[in-house]
Protein backbone atom coordinates (compact mmCIF):
# COMPACT_ATOMS: atom_id res chain seq x y z
CA MET A 1 -42.28 -96.89 195.11
CA SER A 2 -45.19 -94.48 195.40
CA ARG A 3 -46.02 -91.91 198.07
CA ILE A 4 -49.62 -92.11 199.26
CA VAL A 5 -51.33 -89.61 201.57
CA VAL A 6 -54.20 -91.06 203.63
CA ALA A 7 -56.52 -88.31 204.91
CA PRO A 8 -60.00 -89.58 205.80
CA ASP A 9 -62.57 -88.05 208.11
CA SER A 10 -64.08 -90.22 210.83
CA PHE A 11 -66.65 -92.86 209.91
CA LYS A 12 -69.13 -91.51 212.43
CA GLY A 13 -70.16 -93.89 215.14
CA THR A 14 -67.93 -96.68 213.84
CA ALA A 15 -64.30 -95.56 213.38
CA SER A 16 -62.28 -92.48 214.27
CA ALA A 17 -60.37 -90.67 211.55
CA ALA A 18 -57.07 -91.91 212.99
CA ASP A 19 -58.26 -95.53 213.09
CA ALA A 20 -59.71 -95.25 209.58
CA ALA A 21 -56.44 -93.88 208.21
CA ALA A 22 -54.44 -96.63 209.88
CA ALA A 23 -56.77 -99.36 208.55
CA LEU A 24 -56.61 -98.01 204.99
CA ALA A 25 -52.84 -97.91 205.23
CA ARG A 26 -52.65 -101.49 206.52
CA GLY A 27 -54.78 -102.67 203.64
CA TRP A 28 -52.70 -100.80 201.08
CA HIS A 29 -49.47 -102.26 202.45
CA THR A 30 -50.74 -105.82 202.06
CA VAL A 31 -50.62 -105.24 198.31
CA ARG A 32 -47.85 -102.64 197.95
CA PRO A 33 -45.60 -103.04 201.02
CA ASP A 34 -42.82 -100.79 199.71
CA ASP A 35 -44.95 -97.67 199.23
CA GLU A 36 -44.58 -94.72 201.58
CA LEU A 37 -47.83 -93.88 203.35
CA VAL A 38 -48.34 -90.52 205.06
CA LEU A 39 -51.30 -90.44 207.44
CA ARG A 40 -53.16 -87.19 208.04
CA PRO A 41 -56.50 -87.88 209.79
CA MET A 42 -59.04 -85.19 208.91
CA ALA A 43 -62.17 -83.64 210.35
CA ASP A 44 -64.70 -81.05 209.23
CA GLY A 45 -66.00 -79.63 212.49
CA GLY A 46 -67.99 -82.70 213.44
CA GLU A 47 -67.02 -85.78 215.41
CA GLY A 48 -63.23 -86.26 215.49
CA THR A 49 -62.26 -82.60 215.07
CA LEU A 50 -60.72 -82.46 218.52
CA ASP A 51 -58.75 -85.65 217.78
CA ALA A 52 -57.40 -84.16 214.55
CA PHE A 53 -56.15 -81.03 216.33
CA GLU A 54 -54.66 -83.12 219.13
CA ALA A 55 -52.70 -85.19 216.62
CA ALA A 56 -51.50 -82.13 214.72
CA VAL A 57 -50.56 -79.67 217.49
CA PRO A 58 -47.56 -80.57 219.69
CA ASN A 59 -48.29 -80.55 223.42
CA ALA A 60 -52.02 -80.11 222.96
CA ARG A 61 -53.76 -81.18 226.16
CA ARG A 62 -57.20 -82.62 226.83
CA MET A 63 -58.98 -80.81 229.64
CA PRO A 64 -61.62 -82.99 231.36
CA VAL A 65 -65.03 -81.54 232.10
CA THR A 66 -68.35 -83.01 233.22
CA VAL A 67 -71.30 -81.50 231.40
CA ARG A 68 -75.02 -81.99 230.91
CA GLY A 69 -75.50 -84.27 227.95
CA PRO A 70 -78.17 -83.84 225.25
CA VAL A 71 -81.04 -84.57 227.64
CA SER A 72 -79.25 -83.36 230.81
CA GLU A 73 -77.63 -86.64 231.88
CA PRO A 74 -74.03 -86.21 233.13
CA VAL A 75 -71.40 -86.73 230.41
CA GLU A 76 -67.68 -87.04 231.07
CA SER A 77 -66.16 -85.00 228.27
CA HIS A 78 -63.20 -82.73 227.52
CA TRP A 79 -62.05 -79.75 225.55
CA LEU A 80 -58.60 -79.35 223.99
CA LEU A 81 -56.05 -76.76 225.09
CA LEU A 82 -53.71 -75.59 222.32
CA PRO A 83 -50.63 -74.17 224.06
CA GLY A 84 -48.67 -71.05 223.20
CA ASP A 85 -48.30 -67.38 224.08
CA ARG A 86 -51.94 -66.97 223.13
CA PRO A 87 -53.50 -70.33 224.06
CA ALA A 88 -56.60 -71.47 222.23
CA ALA A 89 -59.31 -74.01 222.95
CA VAL A 90 -61.05 -76.49 220.69
CA VAL A 91 -64.53 -77.33 221.95
CA GLU A 92 -66.36 -80.08 220.08
CA LEU A 93 -70.14 -80.16 220.18
CA ALA A 94 -70.22 -83.86 219.26
CA ALA A 95 -68.30 -84.67 222.45
CA THR A 96 -70.71 -82.79 224.73
CA SER A 97 -74.12 -82.58 223.02
CA GLY A 98 -73.71 -85.11 220.24
CA ILE A 99 -76.17 -87.51 218.70
CA THR A 100 -73.96 -90.50 219.55
CA LEU A 101 -74.49 -89.68 223.24
CA LEU A 102 -78.24 -90.11 222.98
CA ASP A 103 -80.36 -93.26 222.71
CA PRO A 104 -83.25 -93.02 222.06
CA LEU A 105 -83.29 -89.80 220.05
CA ALA A 106 -85.21 -86.81 221.40
CA PRO A 107 -85.62 -84.35 218.52
CA LEU A 108 -87.70 -81.78 220.42
CA ASP A 109 -86.04 -82.01 223.83
CA ALA A 110 -82.29 -82.46 223.18
CA HIS A 111 -80.24 -79.35 223.84
CA THR A 112 -76.74 -77.83 223.68
CA ALA A 113 -76.31 -76.82 227.33
CA GLY A 114 -73.35 -79.19 227.75
CA PHE A 115 -71.60 -77.58 224.80
CA GLY A 116 -72.02 -74.23 226.52
CA GLU A 117 -70.62 -75.64 229.76
CA ALA A 118 -67.48 -76.83 227.95
CA ILE A 119 -67.10 -73.41 226.30
CA ALA A 120 -67.48 -71.76 229.70
CA ALA A 121 -64.80 -74.04 231.15
CA ALA A 122 -62.40 -73.01 228.39
CA LEU A 123 -63.17 -69.31 228.97
CA ASP A 124 -62.65 -69.78 232.72
CA HIS A 125 -59.23 -71.26 231.96
CA GLY A 126 -58.30 -68.00 230.27
CA VAL A 127 -57.83 -69.00 226.63
CA ASP A 128 -57.32 -66.24 224.08
CA ARG A 129 -59.41 -67.84 221.33
CA VAL A 130 -61.98 -70.60 220.98
CA LEU A 131 -62.51 -72.88 218.02
CA LEU A 132 -66.06 -74.20 218.11
CA ALA A 133 -66.44 -77.50 216.26
CA LEU A 134 -70.02 -78.03 215.15
CA GLY A 135 -71.52 -81.19 213.73
CA GLY A 136 -72.96 -84.44 215.02
CA SER A 137 -75.54 -82.62 217.13
CA ALA A 138 -78.44 -84.37 218.82
CA SER A 139 -80.51 -81.19 219.09
CA THR A 140 -82.25 -78.52 217.04
CA ASP A 141 -82.29 -75.79 219.69
CA GLY A 142 -80.60 -73.03 217.70
CA GLY A 143 -77.73 -73.00 220.19
CA VAL A 144 -80.02 -71.62 222.90
CA GLY A 145 -78.86 -74.19 225.45
CA ALA A 146 -75.26 -73.10 225.03
CA LEU A 147 -76.04 -69.38 225.04
CA ALA A 148 -78.12 -69.72 228.21
CA VAL A 149 -75.13 -71.26 230.00
CA LEU A 150 -73.01 -68.34 228.75
CA GLY A 151 -75.40 -65.84 230.33
CA ALA A 152 -78.14 -65.15 227.80
CA ARG A 153 -81.74 -65.24 229.04
CA PHE A 154 -84.53 -66.75 226.97
CA LEU A 155 -87.89 -65.88 228.49
CA ASP A 156 -91.56 -66.69 227.95
CA ALA A 157 -94.37 -64.15 227.99
CA SER A 158 -94.43 -64.24 231.80
CA GLY A 159 -90.72 -63.51 232.05
CA ARG A 160 -89.80 -67.04 233.09
CA PRO A 161 -86.90 -68.95 231.51
CA ILE A 162 -88.09 -71.31 228.79
CA LYS A 163 -87.35 -75.01 228.92
CA VAL A 164 -84.21 -76.24 227.21
CA GLY A 165 -84.52 -77.84 223.78
CA ASN A 166 -86.44 -76.89 220.66
CA ARG A 167 -89.77 -77.54 222.43
CA GLY A 168 -89.01 -74.68 224.79
CA LEU A 169 -88.56 -72.29 221.86
CA GLY A 170 -92.30 -72.63 221.23
CA THR A 171 -92.92 -70.41 224.27
CA LEU A 172 -90.08 -67.93 223.60
CA ALA A 173 -91.22 -64.31 223.83
CA ARG A 174 -88.12 -62.30 224.73
CA VAL A 175 -84.32 -62.59 224.61
CA ASP A 176 -81.99 -60.73 226.97
CA LEU A 177 -78.32 -60.81 225.94
CA SER A 178 -77.11 -58.22 228.45
CA GLY A 179 -75.55 -60.89 230.67
CA LEU A 180 -73.92 -62.86 227.85
CA ARG A 181 -70.24 -63.47 228.45
CA PRO A 182 -67.98 -61.56 226.07
CA LEU A 183 -65.93 -63.32 223.47
CA PRO A 184 -62.32 -64.06 224.47
CA PRO A 185 -59.74 -61.49 223.27
CA GLY A 186 -58.90 -63.45 220.12
CA GLY A 187 -62.52 -64.15 219.29
CA ALA A 188 -64.36 -67.35 218.43
CA VAL A 189 -64.39 -69.26 215.15
CA ILE A 190 -67.15 -71.67 214.17
CA LEU A 191 -65.83 -74.81 212.50
CA GLY A 192 -68.95 -75.81 210.64
CA ASP A 193 -69.28 -79.00 208.64
CA VAL A 194 -72.18 -77.73 206.48
CA THR A 195 -73.24 -74.54 204.71
CA ASN A 196 -77.00 -74.83 205.33
CA PRO A 197 -78.98 -71.76 206.43
CA LEU A 198 -81.08 -71.84 209.57
CA LEU A 199 -84.52 -72.02 207.95
CA GLY A 200 -86.27 -73.28 204.83
CA PRO A 201 -86.03 -76.43 202.71
CA LEU A 202 -82.25 -76.55 203.15
CA GLY A 203 -82.34 -75.50 206.79
CA ALA A 204 -81.60 -77.18 210.09
CA ALA A 205 -85.06 -78.67 210.63
CA ALA A 206 -85.82 -79.84 207.10
CA VAL A 207 -82.45 -81.40 206.35
CA PHE A 208 -81.22 -82.62 209.71
CA GLY A 209 -84.42 -83.03 211.73
CA PRO A 210 -85.23 -86.46 210.27
CA GLN A 211 -81.70 -87.65 211.09
CA LYS A 212 -82.42 -86.77 214.72
CA GLY A 213 -85.67 -88.71 214.86
CA ALA A 214 -88.22 -86.10 213.79
CA ASP A 215 -91.15 -87.17 211.62
CA ALA A 216 -92.84 -84.80 209.14
CA ALA A 217 -94.99 -83.19 211.85
CA GLY A 218 -91.97 -82.90 214.12
CA VAL A 219 -89.97 -81.15 211.40
CA GLU A 220 -92.74 -78.55 211.11
CA VAL A 221 -92.58 -77.89 214.85
CA LEU A 222 -88.78 -77.65 214.78
CA GLU A 223 -88.94 -75.17 211.88
CA SER A 224 -91.64 -73.02 213.44
CA ASN A 225 -89.77 -72.78 216.73
CA LEU A 226 -86.48 -71.92 215.03
CA ALA A 227 -88.27 -69.21 213.06
CA ARG A 228 -89.51 -67.74 216.34
CA LEU A 229 -85.93 -67.67 217.61
CA ALA A 230 -84.68 -66.10 214.36
CA ARG A 231 -86.98 -63.12 214.89
CA LEU A 232 -85.46 -62.40 218.30
CA LEU A 233 -81.72 -63.05 217.97
CA PRO A 234 -79.38 -60.52 216.29
CA ALA A 235 -77.94 -62.78 213.61
CA ASN A 236 -78.71 -63.48 209.97
CA PRO A 237 -80.50 -66.83 209.58
CA HIS A 238 -79.52 -66.91 205.90
CA THR A 239 -75.79 -67.03 206.68
CA PRO A 240 -74.23 -70.19 205.23
CA GLY A 241 -73.62 -72.49 208.17
CA ALA A 242 -76.27 -70.91 210.42
CA GLY A 243 -78.14 -74.21 210.26
CA ALA A 244 -75.14 -76.27 211.36
CA ALA A 245 -75.66 -78.52 214.39
CA GLY A 246 -79.39 -77.90 214.68
CA GLY A 247 -78.96 -74.15 214.34
CA ALA A 248 -76.16 -73.88 216.90
CA GLY A 249 -74.25 -72.00 214.19
CA PHE A 250 -76.96 -69.31 214.26
CA GLY A 251 -76.81 -68.98 218.02
CA LEU A 252 -73.03 -68.68 218.01
CA LEU A 253 -73.19 -66.02 215.30
CA ALA A 254 -75.44 -64.05 217.63
CA TRP A 255 -72.72 -64.35 220.29
CA GLY A 256 -70.31 -62.76 217.81
CA ALA A 257 -68.42 -65.83 216.61
CA GLU A 258 -67.10 -65.90 213.04
CA MET A 259 -68.06 -68.60 210.57
CA GLY A 260 -65.13 -70.60 209.25
CA GLY A 261 -64.79 -73.72 207.15
CA GLY A 262 -64.11 -76.60 209.51
CA ALA A 263 -62.37 -78.96 207.09
CA ALA A 264 -60.33 -76.16 205.51
CA LEU A 265 -59.02 -75.00 208.90
CA VAL A 266 -58.21 -78.55 210.00
CA ALA A 267 -56.39 -79.14 206.70
CA ARG A 268 -54.23 -76.07 207.34
CA THR A 269 -53.52 -77.17 210.91
CA VAL A 270 -52.37 -80.65 209.89
CA GLY A 271 -50.28 -79.25 207.02
CA LEU A 272 -52.14 -81.22 204.38
CA ALA A 273 -51.16 -79.00 201.45
CA ASP A 274 -47.48 -79.46 202.28
CA VAL A 275 -47.59 -83.26 202.46
CA LEU A 276 -49.50 -83.42 199.17
CA GLN A 277 -46.53 -81.99 197.32
CA GLY A 278 -44.88 -84.84 195.45
CA ALA A 279 -47.56 -87.39 196.41
CA ASP A 280 -48.80 -89.89 193.85
CA LEU A 281 -52.28 -90.37 195.34
CA VAL A 282 -54.39 -89.17 198.25
CA ILE A 283 -57.07 -91.36 199.83
CA THR A 284 -59.87 -89.63 201.69
CA GLY A 285 -63.28 -90.67 202.93
CA GLU A 286 -66.14 -90.46 205.41
CA GLY A 287 -68.97 -92.58 206.72
CA ARG A 288 -71.49 -91.50 204.10
CA PHE A 289 -70.80 -89.63 200.89
CA ASP A 290 -74.04 -87.96 199.85
CA GLY A 291 -75.51 -84.73 198.57
CA GLN A 292 -74.22 -82.82 201.60
CA SER A 293 -70.63 -83.93 201.09
CA GLU A 294 -69.87 -81.25 198.52
CA ALA A 295 -70.83 -78.50 201.00
CA GLY A 296 -67.46 -78.22 202.71
CA LYS A 297 -67.14 -81.76 204.02
CA ALA A 298 -63.65 -83.18 204.49
CA PRO A 299 -63.43 -85.40 201.36
CA THR A 300 -64.33 -82.48 199.09
CA VAL A 301 -61.82 -80.16 200.77
CA VAL A 302 -59.10 -82.83 200.54
CA ALA A 303 -59.90 -83.45 196.87
CA ALA A 304 -59.73 -79.72 196.10
CA LEU A 305 -56.32 -79.36 197.75
CA ALA A 306 -55.10 -82.47 195.94
CA GLY A 307 -56.37 -81.06 192.65
CA ASP A 308 -54.39 -77.86 193.26
CA ALA A 309 -51.29 -80.02 193.77
CA GLY A 310 -52.00 -82.15 190.70
CA VAL A 311 -52.55 -85.29 192.79
CA PRO A 312 -55.41 -87.72 192.01
CA THR A 313 -57.82 -88.54 194.83
CA ALA A 314 -59.54 -91.79 195.77
CA LEU A 315 -62.69 -91.86 197.89
CA VAL A 316 -63.64 -94.50 200.46
CA ALA A 317 -67.00 -94.23 202.22
CA GLY A 318 -69.31 -96.49 204.14
CA ALA A 319 -71.99 -95.68 201.58
CA ILE A 320 -71.84 -93.59 198.42
CA THR A 321 -75.24 -92.18 197.46
CA ALA A 322 -74.12 -89.23 195.30
CA GLU A 323 -71.98 -89.17 192.18
CA PRO A 324 -68.34 -88.94 193.39
CA ARG A 325 -67.34 -86.25 190.90
CA GLY A 326 -63.68 -85.34 190.80
CA PHE A 327 -62.42 -88.61 192.29
CA ALA A 328 -60.15 -90.92 190.34
CA ALA A 329 -61.52 -93.99 192.14
CA SER A 330 -64.11 -94.79 194.78
CA VAL A 331 -64.94 -97.71 197.08
CA ALA A 332 -68.08 -98.12 199.17
CA LEU A 333 -67.66 -100.36 202.20
CA ALA A 334 -71.32 -101.42 201.99
CA VAL A 335 -70.64 -102.81 198.51
CA ILE A 336 -67.52 -104.81 199.29
CA ALA A 337 -68.94 -106.01 202.63
CA GLY A 338 -72.21 -107.15 201.07
CA GLY A 339 -74.38 -104.64 202.92
CA SER A 340 -74.40 -101.71 205.34
CA ALA A 341 -74.88 -103.86 208.44
CA PRO A 342 -71.71 -105.95 208.04
CA ALA A 343 -69.74 -102.86 207.00
CA MET A 344 -70.78 -101.04 210.17
CA ALA A 345 -70.24 -104.10 212.36
CA GLU A 346 -66.57 -104.45 211.29
CA PRO A 347 -65.55 -101.09 209.84
CA LEU A 348 -61.80 -101.52 210.27
CA ARG A 349 -61.84 -104.89 208.52
CA TRP A 350 -63.60 -103.40 205.50
CA LEU A 351 -61.49 -100.26 205.52
CA GLU A 352 -58.45 -102.52 205.24
CA ALA A 353 -60.16 -104.33 202.38
CA ALA A 354 -60.85 -101.00 200.68
CA GLY A 355 -57.21 -99.96 201.04
CA ALA A 356 -56.13 -103.23 199.48
CA GLU A 357 -58.61 -102.84 196.61
CA LEU A 358 -57.33 -99.37 195.80
CA ALA A 359 -53.74 -100.62 195.88
CA ARG A 360 -54.59 -103.42 193.47
CA THR A 361 -56.12 -101.00 190.99
CA ARG A 362 -52.87 -99.01 191.09
CA ALA A 363 -50.59 -102.03 190.77
């Protein structure tokens, strides 16, 4: 009998991390029913981070909140209260200002105001510390929408507030942070899922703008407007992670938040290193394994921890477009399903199939 740890991230837009882990385990058990499977759903700061904390922290409680979505439509969302003598909050950008909340995409006009409203609700509750999960953003507004809700003023040359969204940054002339709410006593930690800077060829506009619907001309506008913001906010645009979530990382750094590795912190919270001791294999995965996956994404963090424990790692992803270095085995759902469309249409079915395939290779 073998002991297998199953620790995938979510397959964004198709399967939560918890559902993905359960499906992989079901598939494995169809081939090796006597093996012990330990499920530890993961997250890296993007979609599913709140779920991972909820599963890992006893008595964690979802706190409902209605916020402005990415283009100001009402969104029923929530933040997570972590109990204790010094209660903390997990606020997930994907759940308030995320790309999955928006159809069609609006690369110049989407904003993070709803994320700021959820942060404000957590501060009003009196939490000691906030964990700010970035990733899955619909916008490229540099976090201005969120900061404006928290009391910052972003003004044009006439002293009027600019419009929300990246388009509004094109008229930005002055920033007033005097009314910005202070950090909670225990501070704020950014759980970023990438290490990109704010600007340049690896920045928020160039790398993530096309994913949010921007064409080449749109990317140039996004970049130019972010550069205007970078000249006015007191944060370093070169900081790794400043480009996370359309530059929301940069805006939160200007608030005073600290940058932290999202997947690494989630791994500590769920006790992943402990459950890896004595394991024979760990299975991890995400929706798309690509060139960004090595920059602090969950599968890479899981594989590193497994390597420290001397445990081989298998990778399952919807699509694998980069060499999966450091993995003992890999399965792409698009390959076994005969294409991306069928894989995305029935993700749990193909995750089960992937679990079974990995089990057969171990048998």
